[in-house]
C-alpha atoms as a PDB file:
ATOM      1  CA  MET A   1       0.000   0.000   0.000  1.00  0.00           C
ATOM      2  CA  SER A   2       1.193   3.529  -0.754  1.00  0.00           C
ATOM      3  CA  LEU A   3       0.358   6.780   0.989  1.00  0.00           C
ATOM      4  CA  ASP A   4      -1.980   7.507  -1.938  1.00  0.00           C
ATOM      5  CA  GLU A   5      -4.134   4.651  -0.642  1.00  0.00           C
ATOM      6  CA  LEU A   6      -4.148   5.905   2.955  1.00  0.00           C
ATOM      7  CA  ASP A   7      -7.641   6.086   4.465  1.00  0.00           C
ATOM      8  CA  ALA A   8      -8.954   9.653   4.122  1.00  0.00           C
ATOM      9  CA  ASP A   9      -9.809   9.951   7.837  1.00  0.00           C
ATOM     10  CA  ILE A  10      -6.374   8.719   8.887  1.00  0.00           C
ATOM     11  CA  ARG A  11      -4.718  11.085   6.408  1.00  0.00           C
ATOM     12  CA  SER A  12      -6.769  14.007   7.730  1.00  0.00           C
ATOM     13  CA  ASP A  13      -6.110  13.137  11.387  1.00  0.00           C
ATOM     14  CA  THR A  14      -2.386  12.786  10.691  1.00  0.00           C
ATOM     15  CA  VAL A  15      -2.112  16.131   8.941  1.00  0.00           C
ATOM     16  CA  ASP A  16      -4.238  17.780  11.652  1.00  0.00           C
ATOM     17  CA  ILE A  17      -2.053  16.574  14.531  1.00  0.00           C
ATOM     18  CA  ILE A  18       1.184  17.474  12.740  1.00  0.00           C
ATOM     19  CA  GLU A  19      -0.121  20.957  12.017  1.00  0.00           C
ATOM     20  CA  GLU A  20      -1.271  21.223  15.642  1.00  0.00           C
ATOM     21  CA  ILE A  21       2.185  20.209  16.903  1.00  0.00           C
ATOM     22  CA  ALA A  22       3.637  23.083  14.896  1.00  0.00           C
ATOM     23  CA  LYS A  23       1.607  25.437  17.154  1.00  0.00           C
ATOM     24  CA  TRP A  24       2.764  23.855  20.409  1.00  0.00           C
ATOM     25  CA  ARG A  25       5.508  25.459  22.462  1.00  0.00           C
ATOM     26  CA  PRO A  26       6.573  22.407  24.472  1.00  0.00           C
ATOM     27  CA  SER A  27       9.484  22.367  26.881  1.00  0.00           C
ATOM     28  CA  ALA A  28      12.584  20.316  26.114  1.00  0.00           C
ATOM     29  CA  GLN A  29      11.263  17.651  28.471  1.00  0.00           C
ATOM     30  CA  GLN A  30       7.955  17.501  26.581  1.00  0.00           C
ATOM     31  CA  TRP A  31       9.808  17.307  23.236  1.00  0.00           C
ATOM     32  CA  SER A  32      11.774  14.362  24.581  1.00  0.00           C
ATOM     33  CA  ARG A  33       8.416  12.514  24.802  1.00  0.00           C
ATOM     34  CA  ILE A  34       7.069  13.808  21.477  1.00  0.00           C
ATOM     35  CA  GLU A  35      10.070  13.175  19.208  1.00  0.00           C
ATOM     36  CA  PRO A  36      10.153   9.365  19.597  1.00  0.00           C
ATOM     37  CA  ILE A  37       6.474   9.316  18.622  1.00  0.00           C
ATOM     38  CA  LEU A  38       7.245  11.451  15.557  1.00  0.00           C
ATOM     39  CA  ASP A  39      10.032   8.988  14.708  1.00  0.00           C
ATOM     40  CA  ARG A  40       7.525   6.106  14.865  1.00  0.00           C
ATOM     41  CA  LEU A  41       5.061   8.103  12.763  1.00  0.00           C
ATOM     42  CA  GLU A  42       7.688   8.826  10.107  1.00  0.00           C
ATOM     43  CA  LYS A  43       8.646   5.153   9.975  1.00  0.00           C
ATOM     44  CA  ALA A  44       4.985   4.134   9.704  1.00  0.00           C
ATOM     45  CA  LEU A  45       4.517   6.647   6.877  1.00  0.00           C
ATOM     46  CA  LEU A  46       7.528   5.231   5.026  1.00  0.00           C
ATOM     47  CA  GLU A  47       6.029   1.764   5.432  1.00  0.00           C
ATOM     48  CA  SER A  48       2.511   3.050   4.614  1.00  0.00           C
ATOM     49  CA  ASP A  49       1.304   1.131   7.679  1.00  0.00           C
ATOM     50  CA  GLN A  50      -2.145   2.556   8.490  1.00  0.00           C
ATOM     51  CA  GLU A  51      -2.384   0.818  11.857  1.00  0.00           C
ATOM     52  CA  LYS A  52       0.962   2.194  13.063  1.00  0.00           C
ATOM     53  CA  ILE A  53       0.159   5.644  11.647  1.00  0.00           C
ATOM     54  CA  GLN A  54      -3.126   5.702  13.529  1.00  0.00           C
ATOM     55  CA  ALA A  55      -1.452   4.526  16.764  1.00  0.00           C
ATOM     56  CA  ALA A  56       1.189   7.263  16.514  1.00  0.00           C
ATOM     57  CA  VAL A  57      -1.494   9.908  15.891  1.00  0.00           C
ATOM     58  CA  VAL A  58      -3.326   8.816  19.044  1.00  0.00           C
ATOM     59  CA  GLU A  59      -0.063   8.925  21.022  1.00  0.00           C
ATOM     60  CA  LEU A  60       0.638  12.434  19.745  1.00  0.00           C
ATOM     61  CA  GLU A  61      -2.842  13.594  20.676  1.00  0.00           C
ATOM     62  CA  LEU A  62      -2.298  12.256  24.188  1.00  0.00           C
ATOM     63  CA  ALA A  63       1.146  13.913  24.397  1.00  0.00           C
ATOM     64  CA  SER A  64      -0.270  17.401  23.785  1.00  0.00           C
ATOM     65  CA  PRO A  65       1.153  19.919  26.256  1.00  0.00           C
ATOM     66  CA  PHE A  66      -2.374  21.331  26.491  1.00  0.00           C
ATOM     67  CA  ARG A  67      -3.766  18.042  27.732  1.00  0.00           C
ATOM     68  CA  VAL A  68      -2.202  18.387  31.191  1.00  0.00           C
ATOM     69  CA  PRO A  69      -0.827  21.837  32.007  1.00  0.00           C
ATOM     70  CA  PRO A  70       2.749  21.955  33.256  1.00  0.00           C
ATOM     71  CA  VAL A  71       3.258  22.575  36.961  1.00  0.00           C
ATOM     72  CA  ARG A  72       5.744  25.347  36.221  1.00  0.00           C
ATOM     73  CA  ARG A  73       7.122  26.833  33.060  1.00  0.00           C
ATOM     74  CA  PRO A  74      10.876  26.214  32.684  1.00  0.00           C
ATOM     75  CA  GLU A  75      13.262  29.021  31.796  1.00  0.00           C
ATOM     76  CA  PRO A  76      13.581  29.554  28.011  1.00  0.00           C
ATOM     77  CA  ASP A  77      16.359  27.560  26.385  1.00  0.00           C
ATOM     78  CA  LYS A  78      18.852  29.656  24.376  1.00  0.00           C
ATOM     79  CA  ASN A  79      18.827  27.071  21.591  1.00  0.00           C
ATOM     80  CA  ALA A  80      15.036  26.948  21.535  1.00  0.00           C
ATOM     81  CA  GLU A  81      14.584  29.087  18.411  1.00  0.00           C
ATOM     82  CA  ARG A  82      17.010  26.989  16.345  1.00  0.00           C
ATOM     83  CA  GLU A  83      15.475  23.763  17.606  1.00  0.00           C
ATOM     84  CA  LEU A  84      11.985  25.100  16.948  1.00  0.00           C
ATOM     85  CA  ALA A  85      12.944  25.941  13.348  1.00  0.00           C
ATOM     86  CA  GLU A  86      14.401  22.445  12.845  1.00  0.00           C
ATOM     87  CA  ARG A  87      11.273  20.845  14.298  1.00  0.00           C
ATOM     88  CA  GLN A  88       9.017  23.038  12.174  1.00  0.00           C
ATOM     89  CA  ASP A  89      10.957  22.000   9.073  1.00  0.00           C
ATOM     90  CA  ARG A  90      10.543  18.340   9.999  1.00  0.00           C
ATOM     91  CA  LEU A  91       6.803  18.762  10.565  1.00  0.00           C
ATOM     92  CA  ASP A  92       6.433  20.645   7.257  1.00  0.00           C
ATOM     93  CA  ARG A  93       8.231  17.851   5.382  1.00  0.00           C
ATOM     94  CA  MET A  94       5.937  15.257   6.974  1.00  0.00           C
ATOM     95  CA  VAL A  95       2.767  17.164   5.994  1.00  0.00           C
ATOM     96  CA  HIS A  96       4.158  17.649   2.468  1.00  0.00           C
ATOM     97  CA  LYS A  97       4.912  13.933   2.176  1.00  0.00           C
ATOM     98  CA  ILE A  98       1.474  12.893   3.423  1.00  0.00           C
ATOM     99  CA  SER A  99      -0.327  15.417   1.228  1.00  0.00           C
ATOM    100  CA  ASP A 100       1.604  14.263  -1.846  1.00  0.00           C
ATOM    101  CA  GLY A 101       1.038  10.586  -1.162  1.00  0.00           C
ATOM    102  CA  GLY A 102       4.707   9.938  -0.459  1.00  0.00           C
ATOM    103  CA  ARG A 103       5.903  10.918  -3.921  1.00  0.00           C
ATOM    104  CA  ASP A 104       9.149  12.826  -4.172  1.00  0.00           C
ATOM    105  CA  ASP A 105       9.666  15.883  -6.401  1.00  0.00           C
ATOM    106  CA  ASP A 106      10.936  13.787  -9.353  1.00  0.00           C
ATOM    107  CA  GLN A 107       7.880  11.515  -9.232  1.00  0.00           C
ATOM    108  CA  ARG A 108       5.527  14.535  -9.140  1.00  0.00           C
ATOM    109  CA  ARG A 109       7.299  16.086 -12.164  1.00  0.00           C
ATOM    110  CA  ASP A 110       7.151  12.794 -14.083  1.00  0.00           C
ATOM    111  CA  GLN A 111       3.440  12.404 -13.289  1.00  0.00           C
ATOM    112  CA  GLY A 112       2.789  15.967 -14.472  1.00  0.00           C
ATOM    113  CA  ARG A 113       4.329  15.213 -17.889  1.00  0.00           C
ATOM    114  CA  ARG A 114       1.889  12.375 -18.581  1.00  0.00           C
END
């Protein structure tokens, strides 16, 4: 199965949570919980495994920093802006890949010529 064949609801939920993550401002500790889930989601997307994609989406929804408010807000990290930009880039690439059904730029160009 390819990402083109991904269930429409799963595709929508996946894009929604990734776009939502881009709005989060989690602490480094919260990111340490979120990033392994993103790794599993990326792997599931590469494998086009709907069950694993759906499980990762649920995990991400449960990991939301808005789900349980932090007891105290940690001091801002000096590297936070750079890390935030890197994370945003990763999230953007994931949304792009899902939206394009997993095709890379060369495949999209080739398909456009037909």
